[in-house]
Protein backbone atom coordinates (compact mmCIF):
# COMPACT_ATOMS: atom_id res chain seq x y z
CA MET A 1 23.46 19.79 -20.19
CA GLU A 2 23.24 18.26 -23.65
CA ASN A 3 26.69 16.74 -23.20
CA ILE A 4 25.73 14.83 -20.06
CA LYS A 5 22.46 13.65 -21.62
CA ALA A 6 24.35 12.39 -24.67
CA TYR A 7 26.93 10.65 -22.46
CA VAL A 8 24.23 8.92 -20.42
CA GLN A 9 22.41 7.74 -23.55
CA GLU A 10 25.64 6.46 -25.08
CA HIS A 11 26.57 4.47 -21.97
CA LYS A 12 23.13 3.67 -20.50
CA ASP A 13 23.31 -0.06 -21.19
CA ARG A 14 26.70 -0.29 -19.48
CA PHE A 15 25.47 1.81 -16.54
CA ILE A 16 22.49 -0.51 -16.09
CA ASN A 17 24.58 -3.68 -16.44
CA GLU A 18 27.12 -2.47 -13.89
CA LEU A 19 24.37 -1.78 -11.37
CA VAL A 20 22.79 -5.16 -12.05
CA GLU A 21 26.09 -6.89 -11.25
CA LEU A 22 26.37 -4.96 -7.98
CA LEU A 23 22.80 -5.89 -7.05
CA LYS A 24 23.55 -9.59 -7.51
CA ILE A 25 25.75 -9.57 -4.40
CA PRO A 26 23.54 -10.19 -1.32
CA SER A 27 25.16 -7.68 1.03
CA VAL A 28 22.74 -8.18 3.94
CA SER A 29 24.43 -6.62 6.96
CA ALA A 30 21.86 -7.85 9.49
CA ASP A 31 22.62 -11.54 8.89
CA THR A 32 26.12 -12.90 9.55
CA ALA A 33 25.46 -15.63 6.97
CA TYR A 34 26.00 -12.92 4.35
CA SER A 35 29.17 -11.52 5.91
CA HIS A 36 31.39 -12.64 3.03
CA ASP A 37 29.03 -10.95 0.57
CA VAL A 38 29.15 -7.67 2.45
CA PHE A 39 32.96 -7.63 2.24
CA GLU A 40 32.77 -8.61 -1.42
CA THR A 41 30.49 -5.64 -2.09
CA ALA A 42 32.95 -3.28 -0.41
CA ASP A 43 35.62 -4.55 -2.82
CA ALA A 44 33.26 -3.98 -5.76
CA VAL A 45 32.52 -0.40 -4.64
CA LYS A 46 36.25 0.28 -4.29
CA ALA A 47 36.89 -0.98 -7.81
CA SER A 48 34.05 1.14 -9.21
CA LEU A 49 35.40 4.32 -7.61
CA GLU A 50 38.87 3.64 -8.98
CA LYS A 51 37.46 3.03 -12.45
CA ALA A 52 35.33 6.19 -12.27
CA GLY A 53 38.37 8.38 -11.68
CA CYS A 54 39.16 8.66 -7.98
CA ASP A 55 42.89 9.18 -7.46
CA PHE A 56 42.86 7.47 -4.08
CA VAL A 57 40.54 4.74 -2.79
CA GLU A 58 40.87 2.57 0.30
CA ILE A 59 38.85 0.10 2.30
CA CYS A 60 38.90 1.34 5.90
CA ASP A 61 38.53 -1.19 8.68
CA THR A 62 36.08 -0.45 11.49
CA PRO A 63 34.84 -2.46 14.49
CA GLY A 64 32.20 -3.79 12.06
CA TYR A 65 31.94 -3.79 8.28
CA PRO A 66 34.41 -1.61 6.37
CA ILE A 67 33.87 1.87 4.98
CA VAL A 68 34.99 2.54 1.42
CA TYR A 69 36.71 5.93 1.16
CA GLY A 70 37.70 7.56 -2.11
CA GLU A 71 38.72 11.01 -3.23
CA LYS A 72 39.68 13.14 -6.19
CA ILE A 73 41.32 16.37 -5.11
CA ILE A 74 41.88 18.67 -8.09
CA ASN A 75 42.74 21.80 -6.10
CA PRO A 76 42.76 22.12 -2.27
CA SER A 77 41.59 25.73 -2.58
CA LEU A 78 38.34 24.68 -4.28
CA PRO A 79 35.20 23.52 -2.44
CA THR A 80 34.87 19.86 -1.49
CA VAL A 81 31.76 17.74 -1.81
CA LEU A 82 31.53 14.65 0.42
CA VAL A 83 29.26 11.95 -0.98
CA TYR A 84 27.75 9.52 1.55
CA GLY A 85 25.98 6.28 0.68
CA HIS A 86 25.73 2.68 1.83
CA TYR A 87 26.34 -0.64 0.11
CA ASP A 88 24.54 -2.92 2.57
CA VAL A 89 20.90 -3.91 2.07
CA GLN A 90 17.90 -5.08 4.07
CA PRO A 91 17.17 -8.79 4.42
CA PRO A 92 14.98 -9.97 1.52
CA ASP A 93 12.36 -11.71 3.68
CA PRO A 94 9.62 -12.70 3.14
CA ILE A 95 11.06 -14.38 0.05
CA GLU A 96 7.74 -15.92 -1.01
CA LEU A 97 6.25 -12.48 -1.70
CA TRP A 98 8.85 -11.58 -4.32
CA THR A 99 7.73 -11.97 -7.93
CA SER A 100 11.36 -12.59 -8.92
CA PRO A 101 14.39 -13.63 -6.82
CA PRO A 102 15.64 -10.64 -4.79
CA PHE A 103 19.27 -11.06 -5.83
CA GLU A 104 18.62 -11.93 -9.45
CA PRO A 105 17.84 -8.46 -10.83
CA VAL A 106 15.27 -8.21 -13.60
CA ILE A 107 13.91 -5.22 -15.48
CA LYS A 108 10.13 -4.99 -15.66
CA LYS A 109 7.80 -2.30 -16.95
CA THR A 110 5.22 -0.90 -14.54
CA GLU A 111 2.51 1.72 -14.71
CA ILE A 112 4.73 4.21 -12.90
CA HIS A 113 7.89 3.10 -14.74
CA PRO A 114 6.83 2.46 -18.35
CA GLU A 115 10.48 2.48 -19.43
CA GLY A 116 11.22 -0.22 -16.89
CA ALA A 117 12.50 -0.62 -13.36
CA ILE A 118 15.20 -2.83 -11.87
CA PHE A 119 13.62 -5.24 -9.37
CA ALA A 120 16.15 -6.37 -6.76
CA ARG A 121 16.91 -5.89 -3.09
CA GLY A 122 18.95 -2.70 -2.72
CA SER A 123 18.06 -1.33 -6.15
CA CYS A 124 16.70 1.91 -4.70
CA ASP A 125 17.98 1.66 -1.13
CA ASP A 126 20.76 2.41 -1.63
CA LYS A 127 22.95 0.71 -4.24
CA GLY A 128 21.16 2.26 -7.21
CA GLN A 129 21.15 5.75 -5.75
CA MET A 130 24.72 5.47 -4.47
CA TYR A 131 25.94 4.24 -7.85
CA MET A 132 24.46 7.30 -9.59
CA HIS A 133 27.17 9.33 -7.87
CA VAL A 134 29.89 6.98 -9.08
CA LYS A 135 28.71 7.32 -12.67
CA ALA A 136 28.28 11.09 -12.31
CA LEU A 137 31.93 11.28 -11.26
CA GLU A 138 32.89 9.16 -14.26
CA TYR A 139 31.20 11.65 -16.59
CA MET A 140 32.82 14.68 -14.96
CA VAL A 141 36.27 13.08 -15.10
CA GLN A 142 35.90 11.88 -18.70
CA SER A 143 34.56 15.24 -19.87
CA ASN A 144 37.02 17.22 -17.74
CA THR A 145 34.15 19.13 -16.12
CA LEU A 146 34.69 18.27 -12.45
CA PRO A 147 34.61 21.77 -10.93
CA CYS A 148 35.73 20.95 -7.39
CA ASN A 149 37.08 18.26 -5.09
CA VAL A 150 35.04 15.20 -4.25
CA LYS A 151 35.25 12.60 -1.50
CA PHE A 152 33.24 9.40 -1.08
CA MET A 153 32.34 7.65 2.18
CA ILE A 154 30.31 4.50 1.49
CA GLU A 155 29.46 2.38 4.53
CA GLY A 156 28.21 -1.17 5.05
CA GLU A 157 26.11 -0.89 8.22
CA GLU A 158 23.37 1.63 7.47
CA GLU A 159 20.64 -0.99 7.61
CA ILE A 160 21.72 -2.02 11.11
CA GLY A 161 22.04 1.47 12.55
CA SER A 162 25.43 2.63 11.20
CA LYS A 163 27.09 1.18 14.28
CA SER A 164 30.66 1.87 13.15
CA LEU A 165 30.08 5.13 11.31
CA SER A 166 30.34 7.47 14.29
CA TRP A 167 33.51 5.65 15.34
CA PHE A 168 34.96 6.27 11.88
CA VAL A 169 33.82 9.89 11.56
CA GLU A 170 35.17 10.87 14.97
CA ARG A 171 38.61 9.46 14.06
CA ASN A 172 38.82 10.88 10.53
CA GLN A 173 37.57 14.43 10.71
CA GLU A 174 40.48 15.90 8.74
CA LYS A 175 40.19 13.24 6.03
CA LEU A 176 36.44 13.89 5.75
CA LYS A 177 36.67 17.69 5.83
CA ASN A 178 34.21 19.15 3.33
CA ASP A 179 32.02 22.09 2.40
CA VAL A 180 28.79 20.15 1.85
CA ILE A 181 27.61 16.54 2.19
CA LEU A 182 25.56 15.04 -0.62
CA ILE A 183 23.30 12.03 -0.03
CA SER A 184 20.89 10.19 -2.29
CA ASP A 185 19.04 7.86 0.09
CA THR A 186 15.64 9.53 -0.01
CA GLY A 187 12.91 10.02 -2.58
CA MET A 188 11.06 12.65 -4.57
CA ILE A 189 7.40 13.39 -5.15
CA SER A 190 7.14 11.98 -8.68
CA ASN A 191 9.00 11.62 -11.95
CA GLN A 192 7.41 14.88 -13.03
CA GLN A 193 7.85 16.80 -9.78
CA PRO A 194 11.24 16.64 -8.02
CA SER A 195 11.58 17.50 -4.36
CA ILE A 196 14.37 18.02 -1.88
CA THR A 197 14.14 16.61 1.64
CA THR A 198 14.97 19.52 3.93
CA GLY A 199 14.07 18.02 7.27
CA LEU A 200 14.17 14.70 9.08
CA ARG A 201 12.55 13.83 12.35
CA GLY A 202 14.51 12.53 15.30
CA LEU A 203 13.55 9.49 17.34
CA SER A 204 13.24 8.31 20.91
CA TYR A 205 12.28 4.64 21.32
CA VAL A 206 11.46 3.13 24.71
CA GLU A 207 9.95 0.00 26.21
CA VAL A 208 7.76 0.21 29.30
CA GLU A 209 6.92 -2.47 31.85
CA VAL A 210 4.12 -2.28 34.41
CA THR A 211 4.17 -4.86 37.20
CA GLY A 212 1.36 -5.61 39.65
CA PRO A 213 1.14 -8.82 41.68
CA ASN A 214 4.05 -11.22 41.87
CA ARG A 215 2.26 -13.78 39.68
CA ASP A 216 -0.72 -14.13 37.35
CA LEU A 217 -3.93 -14.23 39.42
CA HIS A 218 -7.39 -15.76 39.02
CA SER A 219 -9.56 -12.89 37.75
CA GLY A 220 -12.58 -14.15 39.67
CA LEU A 221 -10.85 -14.41 43.03
CA TYR A 222 -8.76 -11.26 42.71
CA GLY A 223 -10.56 -9.09 40.12
CA GLY A 224 -11.49 -5.71 41.57
CA ALA A 225 -9.21 -6.19 44.57
CA VAL A 226 -5.76 -5.67 42.98
CA ALA A 227 -4.45 -3.42 40.24
CA ASN A 228 -4.53 -5.03 36.79
CA PRO A 229 -1.28 -4.05 35.00
CA ILE A 230 -2.93 -4.24 31.54
CA ASN A 231 -5.78 -1.96 32.61
CA VAL A 232 -3.34 0.43 34.24
CA LEU A 233 -0.98 0.49 31.26
CA SER A 234 -3.90 1.17 28.91
CA LYS A 235 -4.99 4.17 31.00
CA MET A 236 -1.43 5.50 31.27
CA ILE A 237 -0.95 5.30 27.51
CA ALA A 238 -4.33 6.89 26.81
CA SER A 239 -3.41 9.86 29.01
CA LEU A 240 -0.35 10.67 26.87
CA HIS A 241 -2.60 12.55 24.40
CA ASP A 242 -5.33 15.11 25.14
CA GLU A 243 -8.60 15.67 23.28
CA ASN A 244 -6.72 17.59 20.54
CA ASN A 245 -4.15 14.78 20.13
CA HIS A 246 -1.57 17.01 21.75
CA ILE A 247 1.11 15.12 23.69
CA THR A 248 0.72 15.75 27.43
CA ILE A 249 4.29 15.16 28.62
CA PRO A 250 5.38 18.34 30.48
CA GLY A 251 8.14 20.15 28.55
CA PHE A 252 7.70 17.99 25.44
CA TYR A 253 7.09 20.96 23.12
CA ASP A 254 9.51 23.42 24.75
CA ASN A 255 12.06 23.33 21.91
CA VAL A 256 9.68 22.73 19.01
CA VAL A 257 10.17 25.45 16.40
CA GLU A 258 7.16 26.50 14.35
CA LEU A 259 7.91 26.66 10.64
CA SER A 260 7.62 30.00 8.92
CA LEU A 261 4.52 30.69 6.87
CA GLU A 262 6.82 30.86 3.83
CA GLU A 263 8.14 27.33 4.29
CA ARG A 264 4.70 25.92 5.13
CA ALA A 265 3.40 27.53 1.94
CA GLU A 266 6.24 25.97 -0.08
CA MET A 267 5.54 22.56 1.44
CA ALA A 268 1.84 22.95 0.60
CA LYS A 269 2.73 23.08 -3.10
CA ALA A 270 3.47 19.36 -3.02
CA PRO A 271 0.70 17.44 -4.81
CA PHE A 272 -1.56 15.70 -2.29
CA ASN A 273 -5.04 14.26 -2.60
CA LEU A 274 -6.61 13.53 0.75
CA GLU A 275 -9.32 11.28 -0.69
CA ASN A 276 -6.73 9.16 -2.51
CA TYR A 277 -4.67 9.01 0.67
CA LYS A 278 -7.63 7.70 2.66
CA LYS A 279 -8.62 5.28 -0.07
CA ALA A 280 -5.13 3.81 -0.32
CA LEU A 281 -5.20 3.06 3.43
CA ASP A 282 -8.88 2.05 3.54
CA LEU A 283 -9.69 4.81 6.04
CA ASN A 284 -12.92 6.75 6.46
CA ASP A 285 -11.01 9.73 7.86
CA VAL A 286 -7.56 10.92 8.92
CA TYR A 287 -6.56 11.50 12.52
CA GLY A 288 -4.01 13.69 14.26
CA GLU A 289 -3.04 16.84 16.06
CA SER A 290 -5.51 19.71 15.73
CA GLY A 291 -4.39 22.74 13.76
CA TYR A 292 -2.27 20.89 11.19
CA VAL A 293 -2.97 19.18 7.88
CA THR A 294 -1.95 15.60 7.13
CA ASN A 295 1.35 16.39 5.42
CA GLU A 296 2.36 18.58 8.37
CA ARG A 297 1.33 16.09 11.02
CA ASN A 298 3.57 13.40 9.54
CA SER A 299 6.61 15.59 8.95
CA ILE A 300 6.99 18.87 10.86
CA ARG A 301 5.21 17.89 14.09
CA PRO A 302 6.41 15.52 16.82
CA THR A 303 4.41 12.37 17.51
CA LEU A 304 4.05 9.61 20.07
CA ASP A 305 2.91 6.15 19.00
CA VAL A 306 2.55 2.74 20.60
CA ASN A 307 4.37 0.26 18.37
CA GLY A 308 3.49 -2.85 20.33
CA ILE A 309 1.56 -3.81 23.45
CA TRP A 310 1.21 -7.16 25.20
CA GLY A 311 0.52 -8.96 28.45
CA GLY A 312 -1.65 -11.68 29.91
CA TYR A 313 -3.18 -14.53 27.95
CA THR A 314 -3.34 -14.13 24.15
CA GLY A 315 -3.69 -17.75 23.10
CA GLU A 316 -6.73 -19.54 21.69
CA GLY A 317 -9.81 -19.69 23.84
CA ALA A 318 -10.29 -18.17 27.28
CA LYS A 319 -8.07 -18.01 30.33
CA THR A 320 -9.34 -15.83 33.15
CA VAL A 321 -6.21 -14.27 34.61
CA ILE A 322 -5.00 -10.93 35.81
CA ALA A 323 -1.50 -10.69 34.37
CA SER A 324 1.44 -9.96 36.61
CA LYS A 325 3.00 -7.73 33.96
CA ALA A 326 2.08 -5.63 30.92
CA PHE A 327 4.44 -4.20 28.33
CA ALA A 328 4.49 -1.68 25.51
CA LYS A 329 6.98 -0.33 23.01
CA ILE A 330 6.61 3.39 22.35
CA SER A 331 8.31 5.59 19.78
CA MET A 332 8.39 9.38 19.63
CA ARG A 333 9.25 11.04 16.34
CA LEU A 334 10.90 14.35 17.10
CA VAL A 335 11.40 17.54 15.13
CA PRO A 336 14.67 19.47 14.89
CA ASN A 337 15.74 21.17 18.14
CA GLN A 338 14.17 18.42 20.26
CA ASP A 339 17.01 16.49 21.88
CA TRP A 340 16.16 12.80 21.89
CA GLU A 341 17.97 12.08 25.16
CA GLN A 342 16.17 14.95 26.91
CA ILE A 343 12.82 13.77 25.54
CA THR A 344 13.56 10.26 26.77
CA GLU A 345 14.19 11.66 30.25
CA LEU A 346 10.99 13.72 30.15
CA PHE A 347 9.00 10.68 29.06
CA THR A 348 10.52 8.49 31.76
CA LYS A 349 9.79 11.01 34.51
CA HIS A 350 6.23 11.64 33.36
CA PHE A 351 5.28 8.05 32.62
CA THR A 352 6.59 6.85 35.97
CA SER A 353 4.58 9.57 37.72
CA LEU A 354 1.37 8.27 36.12
CA ALA A 355 1.57 4.93 37.92
CA PRO A 356 -1.10 4.46 40.61
CA ALA A 357 -0.48 2.67 43.88
CA GLY A 358 -0.38 -1.08 43.43
CA VAL A 359 1.97 -1.21 40.44
CA THR A 360 5.58 -0.43 39.67
CA VAL A 361 6.87 0.94 36.36
CA LYS A 362 10.13 0.51 34.48
CA VAL A 363 11.12 2.48 31.38
CA LYS A 364 13.87 1.00 29.23
CA PRO A 365 15.30 3.33 26.56
CA HIS A 366 16.25 1.47 23.38
CA HIS A 367 17.75 3.97 20.93
CA GLY A 368 17.26 7.37 19.38
CA GLY A 369 18.63 10.07 17.16
CA GLN A 370 18.44 13.78 16.53
CA GLY A 371 16.29 15.50 13.93
CA TYR A 372 17.76 17.62 11.19
CA VAL A 373 16.84 20.57 9.00
CA THR A 374 18.56 22.32 6.09
CA PRO A 375 17.42 25.90 5.44
CA ILE A 376 16.00 26.49 1.98
CA ASP A 377 18.16 29.59 1.57
CA SER A 378 21.45 27.67 1.91
CA ILE A 379 23.91 27.44 -0.99
CA GLY A 380 23.57 23.66 -1.06
CA TYR A 381 19.78 23.77 -1.29
CA LYS A 382 19.88 26.43 -4.00
CA ALA A 383 22.41 24.41 -6.02
CA ALA A 384 20.30 21.27 -5.76
CA ASN A 385 17.17 23.15 -6.75
CA MET A 386 18.91 24.66 -9.79
CA ALA A 387 20.13 21.21 -10.82
CA TYR A 388 16.67 19.65 -10.54
CA THR A 389 15.09 22.60 -12.34
CA GLU A 390 17.44 22.18 -15.29
CA THR A 391 16.90 18.45 -15.72
CA PHE A 392 13.20 18.21 -14.85
CA GLY A 393 12.05 21.57 -16.18
CA VAL A 394 10.34 22.56 -12.91
CA PRO A 395 11.72 23.72 -9.54
CA ALA A 396 11.99 21.23 -6.72
CA ILE A 397 9.63 21.46 -3.76
CA PRO A 398 11.10 21.36 -0.24
CA VAL A 399 9.62 18.54 1.83
CA ARG A 400 10.05 17.41 5.42
CA SER A 401 10.34 13.66 5.89
CA GLY A 402 8.56 11.93 8.72
CA GLY A 403 11.37 9.40 8.92
CA SER A 404 14.72 9.56 10.67
CA ILE A 405 18.31 9.37 9.39
CA PRO A 406 20.38 9.91 12.57
CA ILE A 407 23.68 10.00 10.67
CA VAL A 408 22.77 13.37 9.18
CA ALA A 409 22.74 15.01 12.61
CA LEU A 410 25.98 13.15 13.38
CA PHE A 411 27.64 14.68 10.31
CA GLU A 412 26.65 18.20 11.29
CA LYS A 413 27.86 17.70 14.84
CA GLU A 414 31.21 16.13 13.96
CA LEU A 415 32.03 17.60 10.53
CA LYS A 416 30.27 20.98 10.94
CA SER A 417 28.74 20.88 7.46
CA LYS A 418 25.23 20.77 6.05
CA THR A 419 23.77 17.78 4.22
CA ILE A 420 21.76 17.98 1.01
CA LEU A 421 19.36 15.08 0.45
CA MET A 422 18.99 14.66 -3.32
CA GLY A 423 16.82 11.57 -3.59
CA PHE A 424 15.57 10.07 -6.85
CA GLY A 425 13.46 7.19 -5.54
CA LEU A 426 9.67 7.09 -5.32
CA ASP A 427 7.38 6.10 -2.46
CA SER A 428 6.16 3.24 -4.64
CA ASP A 429 9.63 1.67 -4.99
CA ALA A 430 8.95 -0.72 -2.08
CA ILE A 431 12.20 -0.19 -0.21
CA HIS A 432 12.59 -2.62 2.73
CA SER A 433 9.73 -4.64 1.22
CA PRO A 434 9.40 -7.49 -1.25
CA ASN A 435 9.73 -6.44 -4.90
CA GLU A 436 11.91 -3.40 -4.22
CA HIS A 437 12.68 -1.63 -7.48
CA PHE A 438 14.27 1.49 -8.96
CA GLY A 439 13.14 3.10 -12.19
CA ILE A 440 15.54 3.21 -15.13
CA PHE A 441 14.34 6.79 -15.69
CA ASN A 442 15.20 7.70 -12.08
CA TYR A 443 18.61 6.05 -12.19
CA LEU A 444 19.66 7.79 -15.40
CA LYS A 445 18.06 11.10 -14.39
CA GLY A 446 20.10 11.05 -11.22
CA ILE A 447 23.31 10.63 -13.19
CA GLU A 448 22.27 13.60 -15.35
CA THR A 449 21.36 15.83 -12.40
CA ILE A 450 24.21 15.25 -9.95
CA PRO A 451 26.98 16.90 -12.06
CA LEU A 452 24.83 20.03 -12.23
CA PHE A 453 24.77 20.19 -8.44
CA TYR A 454 28.57 20.39 -8.46
CA LYS A 455 28.50 23.09 -11.13
CA TYR A 456 26.01 25.31 -9.34
CA PHE A 457 27.45 24.70 -5.87
CA VAL A 458 30.84 25.96 -7.02
CA GLU A 459 29.33 28.93 -8.83
CA LEU A 460 27.25 29.96 -5.80
CA SER A 461 30.23 29.48 -3.46
CA LYS A 462 32.32 32.14 -5.20
């Protein structure tokens, strides 16, 4: 451990400068105006993997942006770790809310990061966290301590849904064969308390349309005589939860697995102050499904939320109409074992059945993804926990994320291997928002911790 700490301290300025140069390239995958920059970033990632010690690196063409693949195979009989990350970033908008230009990285001290943080788009999500793995490989190669084989798969479309990733994985299963997948694209509780994300929720996202009369009608002449699509839609949506905030769709909970008391107890160890939570959101109370605390409601339980609703006249002043149509966008966050396509079908059937006479209903599925869970007794989890414990001085706490990373379920389905989510970001790092940043402490601590995962994974695999 002392050797890696000494190596990081000796090379910390270079590590920071290399990341800064990578962050200067505006690899925004959602905007074709940045297409050249996305390809340029792929070239930069390829060069960094070669310099770090990969014996083979290539830029793999896909129907979209390329995937950078690299490997260092020291002995085919040894375990193989596959590192996944992404080099594309979110659009920087709104630019006016940044305190410094999003692609001109600067280091600033903050209350949470007194040693400084790199402010730039992509610093935490995911260039900074991805680059920790490159530098960890550099250390293991230079110190001759790489204990197993390693492969890298770094994509350029994560921020637009990883459109080409499944295409690539399905066609390269032998190339990507591994014993465990390692990802740093999540966070941890704090710089004093590490955590490991053991579960991700799935997602079903739909748009609904309720149609009444064939045109907007005068609410005085027709009010009370015809169905009002906005009134009807409001009632239909309201009926999707009961008095205990339990979702009323028949069959919705059939495959929901209750967590063991042991895992719920482990999750409860995570520091959480309900009063601070309410204060930060300016709430007088929390709200959710009966029988569960806040940190369980937003992670281990499925949810249904309206993300947008519209119809009729919403301009300035008054216009007395009964709208012909009303719309809503609805998302359902799902827990592992709930199949998003099945849930979409259940929603469609139930929601359509709620429609009274006088209106018609359409349900348009948009997209979705499966949930994921890694057991806390797996070799990968144990290795990650041992690594965190050694560098932070305290064991990691397992946490379930309320968010969704559909590629993780894809990896298990296609590559038949578990994923370990070793994140080093913080909730306060403003990913996807103006003034995104990544702590210098977190960046260097990740480089220190990752080689220990390899060490303990190999030891536990024997």
